[in-house]
Amino acid sequence: MEKIGILRKKIDDLDLKLLKLLSKRRNLALRIGKIKSTHGLHIRDKKREMQILKSRLKIAKNLKFPKNLVKALFKVILSDSRQYQKTDAMSLTRRAKIDKIYR
């Protein structure tokens, strides 16, 4: 039974690393969202999303990782990125309106 505990600890460590990486990814997406907002670009870029999915599915195939799992994971990740960017864009818009009122 001790082996299970050791293996679970390794899984816990990997989960922590995954969450830290997802947080970094999310922050990069936020920075991209700020650039898009500044330049009047749409948050969603379907072409880019398709490129990401295609690329990640190719990597998954090489790693013999389940296609459906990778597709589902990245759909959630991409959806979260868009939502995070939208929330920030709305916040920036509200701040700009408030600044305009008090000028």
Protein backbone atom coordinates (compact mmCIF):
# COMPACT_ATOMS: atom_id res chain seq x y z
CA MET A 1 0.00 0.00 0.00
CA GLU A 2 2.95 2.30 0.52
CA LYS A 3 3.55 2.32 -3.23
CA ILE A 4 0.09 3.76 -3.83
CA GLY A 5 0.89 6.65 -1.52
CA ILE A 6 4.14 7.37 -3.33
CA LEU A 7 2.45 7.24 -6.72
CA ARG A 8 -0.38 9.48 -5.51
CA LYS A 9 2.17 12.00 -4.26
CA LYS A 10 3.74 12.02 -7.73
CA ILE A 11 0.30 12.62 -9.26
CA ASP A 12 -0.31 15.47 -6.79
CA ASP A 13 3.01 17.03 -7.79
CA LEU A 14 2.14 16.76 -11.48
CA ASP A 15 -1.30 18.26 -10.85
CA LEU A 16 0.34 21.24 -9.17
CA LYS A 17 2.66 21.68 -12.15
CA LEU A 18 -0.29 21.45 -14.55
CA LEU A 19 -2.20 24.11 -12.65
CA LYS A 20 0.80 26.42 -12.58
CA LEU A 21 1.28 25.99 -16.33
CA LEU A 22 -2.42 26.62 -16.97
CA SER A 23 -2.21 29.77 -14.87
CA LYS A 24 0.76 30.98 -16.93
CA ARG A 25 -1.13 30.18 -20.13
CA ARG A 26 -4.16 32.07 -18.85
CA ASN A 27 -2.05 35.14 -18.08
CA LEU A 28 -0.56 35.07 -21.58
CA ALA A 29 -4.08 34.85 -23.02
CA LEU A 30 -5.02 37.88 -20.94
CA ARG A 31 -2.08 39.83 -22.36
CA ILE A 32 -3.18 38.86 -25.86
CA GLY A 33 -6.71 39.98 -25.02
CA LYS A 34 -5.42 43.41 -23.95
CA ILE A 35 -3.60 43.76 -27.28
CA LYS A 36 -6.72 42.71 -29.19
CA SER A 37 -8.82 45.19 -27.23
CA THR A 38 -6.34 48.01 -27.88
CA HIS A 39 -6.41 47.31 -31.63
CA GLY A 40 -10.17 46.71 -31.87
CA LEU A 41 -9.80 43.03 -32.72
CA HIS A 42 -12.35 40.35 -31.87
CA ILE A 43 -11.59 38.17 -28.88
CA ARG A 44 -12.38 34.95 -30.73
CA ASP A 45 -10.09 33.92 -33.57
CA LYS A 46 -11.61 30.73 -34.98
CA LYS A 47 -8.74 30.23 -37.40
CA ARG A 48 -6.21 30.32 -34.55
CA GLU A 49 -8.36 27.99 -32.44
CA MET A 50 -8.50 25.47 -35.26
CA GLN A 51 -4.70 25.69 -35.67
CA ILE A 52 -4.27 25.04 -31.95
CA LEU A 53 -6.64 22.06 -31.94
CA LYS A 54 -5.05 20.55 -35.04
CA SER A 55 -1.54 20.98 -33.63
CA ARG A 56 -2.42 19.59 -30.19
CA LEU A 57 -4.21 16.61 -31.72
CA LYS A 58 -1.13 15.83 -33.79
CA ILE A 59 1.04 15.96 -30.66
CA ALA A 60 -1.48 13.77 -28.83
CA LYS A 61 -1.38 11.20 -31.61
CA ASN A 62 2.42 11.03 -31.40
CA LEU A 63 2.15 10.56 -27.63
CA LYS A 64 -0.59 7.93 -28.11
CA PHE A 65 -2.89 10.11 -26.04
CA PRO A 66 -6.70 9.83 -26.51
CA LYS A 67 -7.87 12.21 -29.23
CA ASN A 68 -11.25 12.83 -27.59
CA LEU A 69 -9.65 13.75 -24.28
CA VAL A 70 -7.23 16.24 -25.87
CA LYS A 71 -10.01 17.79 -27.93
CA ALA A 72 -12.23 18.18 -24.86
CA LEU A 73 -9.40 19.60 -22.74
CA PHE A 74 -8.43 22.20 -25.29
CA LYS A 75 -12.01 23.22 -25.97
CA VAL A 76 -12.33 24.00 -22.25
CA ILE A 77 -8.96 25.78 -22.18
CA LEU A 78 -9.80 27.89 -25.23
CA SER A 79 -13.26 28.72 -23.90
CA ASP A 80 -11.74 29.82 -20.59
CA SER A 81 -9.18 31.98 -22.41
CA ARG A 82 -11.92 33.73 -24.38
CA GLN A 83 -14.02 34.29 -21.27
CA TYR A 84 -11.04 35.62 -19.34
CA GLN A 85 -10.21 38.01 -22.17
CA LYS A 86 -13.85 39.16 -22.44
CA THR A 87 -14.07 39.83 -18.71
CA ASP A 88 -10.92 41.92 -18.81
CA ALA A 89 -12.07 43.77 -21.94
CA MET A 90 -15.37 44.65 -20.23
CA SER A 91 -13.46 45.84 -17.19
CA LEU A 92 -11.22 48.02 -19.36
CA THR A 93 -14.29 49.48 -21.09
CA ARG A 94 -15.93 50.31 -17.75
CA ARG A 95 -12.73 51.95 -16.50
CA ALA A 96 -12.45 54.02 -19.69
CA LYS A 97 -16.06 55.22 -19.27
CA ILE A 98 -15.44 56.17 -15.65
CA ASP A 99 -12.24 58.00 -16.59
CA LYS A 100 -14.14 59.89 -19.28
CA ILE A 101 -16.80 60.97 -16.78
CA TYR A 102 -14.28 62.32 -14.30
CA ARG A 103 -12.11 64.20 -16.79
